[in-house]
């Protein structure tokens, strides 16, 4: 991953990260999923990265999303 991208979110399941990615996409924030899980044993984290300049806005959107759950 390039230096100007920061991990903004991670979860144990891909669908959880895809849901958050969708929220960021709707707000115009580009994000990239990096799947670190082992495909055979389904262990590990799925991570979501955003560009540095969008990090704070993305964290706030994720916080608001989880607060409403």
PDB file of N, CA and C in Angstrom:
ATOM      1  N   UNK A   1       0.858  -1.182   0.000  1.00  0.00           N
ATOM      2  CA  UNK A   1       0.000   0.000   0.000  1.00  0.00           C
ATOM      3  C   UNK A   1       0.897   1.236   0.000  1.00  0.00           C
ATOM      4  N   UNK A   2       0.521   2.216  -0.766  1.00  0.00           N
ATOM      5  CA  UNK A   2       1.308   3.439  -0.870  1.00  0.00           C
ATOM      6  C   UNK A   2       1.271   4.226   0.437  1.00  0.00           C
ATOM      7  N   UNK A   3       2.236   5.128   0.616  1.00  0.00           N
ATOM      8  CA  UNK A   3       2.377   5.890   1.854  1.00  0.00           C
ATOM      9  C   UNK A   3       1.210   6.823   2.143  1.00  0.00           C
ATOM     10  N   UNK A   4       0.492   7.257   1.130  1.00  0.00           N
ATOM     11  CA  UNK A   4      -0.578   8.230   1.356  1.00  0.00           C
ATOM     12  C   UNK A   4      -1.925   7.567   1.641  1.00  0.00           C
ATOM     13  N   UNK A   5      -1.940   6.277   1.978  1.00  0.00           N
ATOM     14  CA  UNK A   5      -3.163   5.562   2.339  1.00  0.00           C
ATOM     15  C   UNK A   5      -3.061   5.096   3.783  1.00  0.00           C
ATOM     16  N   UNK A   6      -4.145   5.244   4.533  1.00  0.00           N
ATOM     17  CA  UNK A   6      -4.183   4.836   5.934  1.00  0.00           C
ATOM     18  C   UNK A   6      -5.320   3.860   6.163  1.00  0.00           C
ATOM     19  N   UNK A   7      -5.083   2.908   7.070  1.00  0.00           N
ATOM     20  CA  UNK A   7      -6.137   1.964   7.425  1.00  0.00           C
ATOM     21  C   UNK A   7      -7.167   2.692   8.279  1.00  0.00           C
ATOM     22  N   UNK A   8      -8.409   2.675   7.834  1.00  0.00           N
ATOM     23  CA  UNK A   8      -9.470   3.393   8.511  1.00  0.00           C
ATOM     24  C   UNK A   8     -10.429   2.441   9.234  1.00  0.00           C
ATOM     25  N   UNK A   9     -10.423   1.160   8.824  1.00  0.00           N
ATOM     26  CA  UNK A   9     -11.379   0.215   9.389  1.00  0.00           C
ATOM     27  C   UNK A   9     -10.890  -1.202   9.116  1.00  0.00           C
ATOM     28  N   UNK A  10     -11.222  -2.116  10.012  1.00  0.00           N
ATOM     29  CA  UNK A  10     -10.949  -3.532   9.766  1.00  0.00           C
ATOM     30  C   UNK A  10     -12.005  -4.365  10.476  1.00  0.00           C
ATOM     31  N   UNK A  11     -12.213  -5.561   9.969  1.00  0.00           N
ATOM     32  CA  UNK A  11     -13.199  -6.476  10.546  1.00  0.00           C
ATOM     33  C   UNK A  11     -12.799  -7.897  10.167  1.00  0.00           C
ATOM     34  N   UNK A  12     -13.425  -8.847  10.820  1.00  0.00           N
ATOM     35  CA  UNK A  12     -13.131 -10.241  10.559  1.00  0.00           C
ATOM     36  C   UNK A  12     -13.833 -10.803   9.338  1.00  0.00           C
ATOM     37  N   UNK A  13     -14.866 -10.115   8.861  1.00  0.00           N
ATOM     38  CA  UNK A  13     -15.651 -10.608   7.727  1.00  0.00           C
ATOM     39  C   UNK A  13     -15.646  -9.590   6.591  1.00  0.00           C
ATOM     40  N   UNK A  14     -15.504 -10.085   5.370  1.00  0.00           N
ATOM     41  CA  UNK A  14     -15.463  -9.220   4.193  1.00  0.00           C
ATOM     42  C   UNK A  14     -16.737  -8.392   4.051  1.00  0.00           C
ATOM     43  N   UNK A  15     -17.900  -8.987   4.304  1.00  0.00           N
ATOM     44  CA  UNK A  15     -19.153  -8.255   4.110  1.00  0.00           C
ATOM     45  C   UNK A  15     -19.239  -7.023   5.010  1.00  0.00           C
ATOM     46  N   UNK A  16     -18.654  -7.099   6.216  1.00  0.00           N
ATOM     47  CA  UNK A  16     -18.672  -5.952   7.127  1.00  0.00           C
ATOM     48  C   UNK A  16     -17.882  -4.783   6.540  1.00  0.00           C
ATOM     49  N   UNK A  17     -16.739  -5.093   5.964  1.00  0.00           N
ATOM     50  CA  UNK A  17     -15.894  -4.059   5.370  1.00  0.00           C
ATOM     51  C   UNK A  17     -16.537  -3.517   4.095  1.00  0.00           C
ATOM     52  N   UNK A  18     -17.163  -4.387   3.314  1.00  0.00           N
ATOM     53  CA  UNK A  18     -17.842  -3.931   2.097  1.00  0.00           C
ATOM     54  C   UNK A  18     -18.990  -2.982   2.427  1.00  0.00           C
ATOM     55  N   UNK A  19     -19.680  -3.210   3.524  1.00  0.00           N
ATOM     56  CA  UNK A  19     -20.760  -2.328   3.953  1.00  0.00           C
ATOM     57  C   UNK A  19     -20.220  -0.936   4.271  1.00  0.00           C
ATOM     58  N   UNK A  20     -19.134  -0.875   5.010  1.00  0.00           N
ATOM     59  CA  UNK A  20     -18.518   0.414   5.346  1.00  0.00           C
ATOM     60  C   UNK A  20     -17.967   1.077   4.087  1.00  0.00           C
ATOM     61  N   UNK A  21     -17.373   0.303   3.191  1.00  0.00           N
ATOM     62  CA  UNK A  21     -16.875   0.856   1.925  1.00  0.00           C
ATOM     63  C   UNK A  21     -18.009   1.504   1.145  1.00  0.00           C
ATOM     64  N   UNK A  22     -19.178   0.879   1.145  1.00  0.00           N
ATOM     65  CA  UNK A  22     -20.334   1.447   0.458  1.00  0.00           C
ATOM     66  C   UNK A  22     -20.744   2.794   1.031  1.00  0.00           C
ATOM     67  N   UNK A  23     -20.682   2.923   2.334  1.00  0.00           N
ATOM     68  CA  UNK A  23     -21.018   4.196   2.990  1.00  0.00           C
ATOM     69  C   UNK A  23     -20.018   5.278   2.572  1.00  0.00           C
ATOM     70  N   UNK A  24     -18.747   4.920   2.559  1.00  0.00           N
ATOM     71  CA  UNK A  24     -17.733   5.892   2.152  1.00  0.00           C
ATOM     72  C   UNK A  24     -17.895   6.257   0.679  1.00  0.00           C
ATOM     73  N   UNK A  25     -18.175   5.271  -0.155  1.00  0.00           N
ATOM     74  CA  UNK A  25     -18.390   5.531  -1.589  1.00  0.00           C
ATOM     75  C   UNK A  25     -19.535   6.514  -1.803  1.00  0.00           C
ATOM     76  N   UNK A  26     -20.627   6.341  -1.055  1.00  0.00           N
ATOM     77  CA  UNK A  26     -21.784   7.240  -1.178  1.00  0.00           C
ATOM     78  C   UNK A  26     -21.438   8.669  -0.792  1.00  0.00           C
ATOM     79  N   UNK A  27     -20.414   8.827   0.041  1.00  0.00           N
ATOM     80  CA  UNK A  27     -19.983  10.161   0.470  1.00  0.00           C
ATOM     81  C   UNK A  27     -18.851  10.706  -0.387  1.00  0.00           C
ATOM     82  N   UNK A  28     -18.505   9.971  -1.442  1.00  0.00           N
ATOM     83  CA  UNK A  28     -17.467  10.447  -2.352  1.00  0.00           C
ATOM     84  C   UNK A  28     -16.050  10.177  -1.884  1.00  0.00           C
ATOM     85  N   UNK A  29     -15.881   9.257  -0.930  1.00  0.00           N
ATOM     86  CA  UNK A  29     -14.551   8.932  -0.425  1.00  0.00           C
ATOM     87  C   UNK A  29     -14.105   7.609  -1.043  1.00  0.00           C
ATOM     88  N   UNK A  30     -13.024   7.667  -1.801  1.00  0.00           N
ATOM     89  CA  UNK A  30     -12.468   6.462  -2.413  1.00  0.00           C
ATOM     90  C   UNK A  30     -11.806   5.615  -1.336  1.00  0.00           C
ATOM     91  N   UNK A  31     -12.030   4.313  -1.394  1.00  0.00           N
ATOM     92  CA  UNK A  31     -11.414   3.401  -0.440  1.00  0.00           C
ATOM     93  C   UNK A  31     -11.020   2.113  -1.140  1.00  0.00           C
ATOM     94  N   UNK A  32     -10.092   1.391  -0.504  1.00  0.00           N
ATOM     95  CA  UNK A  32      -9.574   0.149  -1.065  1.00  0.00           C
ATOM     96  C   UNK A  32      -9.617  -0.923   0.009  1.00  0.00           C
ATOM     97  N   UNK A  33     -10.118  -2.109  -0.362  1.00  0.00           N
ATOM     98  CA  UNK A  33     -10.166  -3.244   0.559  1.00  0.00           C
ATOM     99  C   UNK A  33      -8.918  -4.089   0.357  1.00  0.00           C
ATOM    100  N   UNK A  34      -8.290  -4.441   1.483  1.00  0.00           N
ATOM    101  CA  UNK A  34      -7.150  -5.348   1.475  1.00  0.00           C
ATOM    102  C   UNK A  34      -7.520  -6.531   2.349  1.00  0.00           C
ATOM    103  N   UNK A  35      -7.669  -7.688   1.724  1.00  0.00           N
ATOM    104  CA  UNK A  35      -8.115  -8.885   2.426  1.00  0.00           C
ATOM    105  C   UNK A  35      -6.898  -9.650   2.920  1.00  0.00           C
ATOM    106  N   UNK A  36      -6.668  -9.617   4.234  1.00  0.00           N
ATOM    107  CA  UNK A  36      -5.524 -10.290   4.840  1.00  0.00           C
ATOM    108  C   UNK A  36      -5.884 -11.666   5.384  1.00  0.00           C
ATOM    109  N   UNK A  37      -7.127 -12.084   5.197  1.00  0.00           N
ATOM    110  CA  UNK A  37      -7.553 -13.351   5.786  1.00  0.00           C
ATOM    111  C   UNK A  37      -7.041 -14.534   4.985  1.00  0.00           C
ATOM    112  N   UNK A  38      -6.821 -15.612   5.681  1.00  0.00           N
ATOM    113  CA  UNK A  38      -6.402 -16.866   5.078  1.00  0.00           C
ATOM    114  C   UNK A  38      -7.627 -17.523   4.482  1.00  0.00           C
ATOM    115  N   UNK A  39      -7.617 -17.798   3.195  1.00  0.00           N
ATOM    116  CA  UNK A  39      -8.815 -18.293   2.522  1.00  0.00           C
ATOM    117  C   UNK A  39      -9.200 -19.704   2.970  1.00  0.00           C
ATOM    118  N   UNK A  40      -8.244 -20.494   3.410  1.00  0.00           N
ATOM    119  CA  UNK A  40      -8.563 -21.856   3.825  1.00  0.00           C
ATOM    120  C   UNK A  40      -9.196 -21.908   5.210  1.00  0.00           C
ATOM    121  N   UNK A  41      -8.667 -21.123   6.135  1.00  0.00           N
ATOM    122  CA  UNK A  41      -9.143 -21.179   7.518  1.00  0.00           C
ATOM    123  C   UNK A  41     -10.009 -19.995   7.920  1.00  0.00           C
ATOM    124  N   UNK A  42     -10.140 -19.009   7.032  1.00  0.00           N
ATOM    125  CA  UNK A  42     -10.945 -17.808   7.280  1.00  0.00           C
ATOM    126  C   UNK A  42     -10.515 -17.079   8.544  1.00  0.00           C
ATOM    127  N   UNK A  43      -9.218 -17.004   8.756  1.00  0.00           N
ATOM    128  CA  UNK A  43      -8.658 -16.282   9.885  1.00  0.00           C
ATOM    129  C   UNK A  43      -7.982 -15.018   9.376  1.00  0.00           C
ATOM    130  N   UNK A  44      -7.984 -13.992  10.188  1.00  0.00           N
ATOM    131  CA  UNK A  44      -7.319 -12.758   9.810  1.00  0.00           C
ATOM    132  C   UNK A  44      -8.307 -11.635   9.610  1.00  0.00           C
ATOM    133  N   UNK A  45      -7.775 -10.501   9.267  1.00  0.00           N
ATOM    134  CA  UNK A  45      -8.562  -9.287   9.142  1.00  0.00           C
ATOM    135  C   UNK A  45      -8.717  -8.860   7.685  1.00  0.00           C
ATOM    136  N   UNK A  46      -9.837  -8.240   7.418  1.00  0.00           N
ATOM    137  CA  UNK A  46     -10.068  -7.565   6.152  1.00  0.00           C
ATOM    138  C   UNK A  46      -9.968  -6.076   6.484  1.00  0.00           C
ATOM    139  N   UNK A  47      -9.125  -5.360   5.755  1.00  0.00           N
ATOM    140  CA  UNK A  47      -8.839  -3.967   6.078  1.00  0.00           C
ATOM    141  C   UNK A  47      -9.349  -3.029   4.985  1.00  0.00           C
ATOM    142  N   UNK A  48      -9.714  -1.823   5.410  1.00  0.00           N
ATOM    143  CA  UNK A  48     -10.188  -0.789   4.494  1.00  0.00           C
ATOM    144  C   UNK A  48      -9.272   0.425   4.626  1.00  0.00           C
ATOM    145  N   UNK A  49      -8.768   0.891   3.497  1.00  0.00           N
ATOM    146  CA  UNK A  49      -7.844   2.016   3.468  1.00  0.00           C
ATOM    147  C   UNK A  49      -8.443   3.190   2.713  1.00  0.00           C
ATOM    148  N   UNK A  50      -8.109   4.403   3.180  1.00  0.00           N
ATOM    149  CA  UNK A  50      -8.486   5.636   2.490  1.00  0.00           C
ATOM    150  C   UNK A  50      -7.239   6.510   2.355  1.00  0.00           C
ATOM    151  N   UNK A  51      -7.308   7.454   1.430  1.00  0.00           N
ATOM    152  CA  UNK A  51      -6.205   8.396   1.287  1.00  0.00           C
ATOM    153  C   UNK A  51      -6.122   9.277   2.525  1.00  0.00           C
ATOM    154  N   UNK A  52      -4.911   9.695   2.846  1.00  0.00           N
ATOM    155  CA  UNK A  52      -4.642  10.454   4.066  1.00  0.00           C
ATOM    156  C   UNK A  52      -5.572  11.650   4.231  1.00  0.00           C
ATOM    157  N   UNK A  53      -5.824  12.391   3.160  1.00  0.00           N
ATOM    158  CA  UNK A  53      -6.646  13.606   3.282  1.00  0.00           C
ATOM    159  C   UNK A  53      -8.110  13.299   3.595  1.00  0.00           C
ATOM    160  N   UNK A  54      -8.547  12.058   3.380  1.00  0.00           N
ATOM    161  CA  UNK A  54      -9.934  11.676   3.669  1.00  0.00           C
ATOM    162  C   UNK A  54     -10.089  10.903   4.975  1.00  0.00           C
ATOM    163  N   UNK A  55      -8.988  10.698   5.695  1.00  0.00           N
ATOM    164  CA  UNK A  55      -9.007   9.840   6.876  1.00  0.00           C
ATOM    165  C   UNK A  55      -9.980  10.328   7.951  1.00  0.00           C
ATOM    166  N   UNK A  56      -9.896  11.572   8.335  1.00  0.00           N
ATOM    167  CA  UNK A  56     -10.747  12.089   9.420  1.00  0.00           C
ATOM    168  C   UNK A  56     -12.225  12.038   9.051  1.00  0.00           C
ATOM    169  N   UNK A  57     -12.560  12.434   7.835  1.00  0.00           N
ATOM    170  CA  UNK A  57     -13.950  12.398   7.398  1.00  0.00           C
ATOM    171  C   UNK A  57     -14.462  10.956   7.378  1.00  0.00           C
ATOM    172  N   UNK A  58     -13.625  10.042   6.905  1.00  0.00           N
ATOM    173  CA  UNK A  58     -14.017   8.625   6.860  1.00  0.00           C
ATOM    174  C   UNK A  58     -14.236   8.084   8.263  1.00  0.00           C
ATOM    175  N   UNK A  59     -13.347   8.390   9.200  1.00  0.00           N
ATOM    176  CA  UNK A  59     -13.506   7.931  10.585  1.00  0.00           C
ATOM    177  C   UNK A  59     -14.811   8.454  11.179  1.00  0.00           C
ATOM    178  N   UNK A  60     -15.143   9.709  10.909  1.00  0.00           N
ATOM    179  CA  UNK A  60     -16.391  10.290  11.422  1.00  0.00           C
ATOM    180  C   UNK A  60     -17.611   9.599  10.834  1.00  0.00           C
ATOM    181  N   UNK A  61     -17.591   9.315   9.545  1.00  0.00           N
ATOM    182  CA  UNK A  61     -18.710   8.616   8.901  1.00  0.00           C
ATOM    183  C   UNK A  61     -18.879   7.211   9.477  1.00  0.00           C
ATOM    184  N   UNK A  62     -17.766   6.520   9.686  1.00  0.00           N
ATOM    185  CA  UNK A  62     -17.819   5.170  10.247  1.00  0.00           C
ATOM    186  C   UNK A  62     -18.353   5.219  11.674  1.00  0.00           C
ATOM    187  N   UNK A  63     -17.905   6.191  12.449  1.00  0.00           N
ATOM    188  CA  UNK A  63     -18.395   6.345  13.822  1.00  0.00           C
ATOM    189  C   UNK A  63     -19.905   6.579  13.832  1.00  0.00           C
ATOM    190  N   UNK A  64     -20.381   7.476  12.981  1.00  0.00           N
ATOM    191  CA  UNK A  64     -21.815   7.773  12.920  1.00  0.00           C
ATOM    192  C   UNK A  64     -22.613   6.544  12.485  1.00  0.00           C
ATOM    193  N   UNK A  65     -22.074   5.780  11.559  1.00  0.00           N
ATOM    194  CA  UNK A  65     -22.747   4.564  11.101  1.00  0.00           C
ATOM    195  C   UNK A  65     -22.884   3.571  12.242  1.00  0.00           C
ATOM    196  N   UNK A  66     -21.801   3.333  12.966  1.00  0.00           N
ATOM    197  CA  UNK A  66     -21.840   2.357  14.052  1.00  0.00           C
ATOM    198  C   UNK A  66     -22.655   2.846  15.239  1.00  0.00           C
ATOM    199  N   UNK A  67     -22.701   4.139  15.442  1.00  0.00           N
ATOM    200  CA  UNK A  67     -23.510   4.708  16.524  1.00  0.00           C
ATOM    201  C   UNK A  67     -24.995   4.463  16.275  1.00  0.00           C
ATOM    202  N   UNK A  68     -25.381   4.438  15.008  1.00  0.00           N
ATOM    203  CA  UNK A  68     -26.783   4.245  14.647  1.00  0.00           C
ATOM    204  C   UNK A  68     -27.236   2.806  14.604  1.00  0.00           C
ATOM    205  N   UNK A  69     -26.305   1.864  14.753  1.00  0.00           N
ATOM    206  CA  UNK A  69     -26.680   0.450  14.695  1.00  0.00           C
ATOM    207  C   UNK A  69     -27.404   0.004  15.941  1.00  0.00           C
TER     208      UNK A  69
END
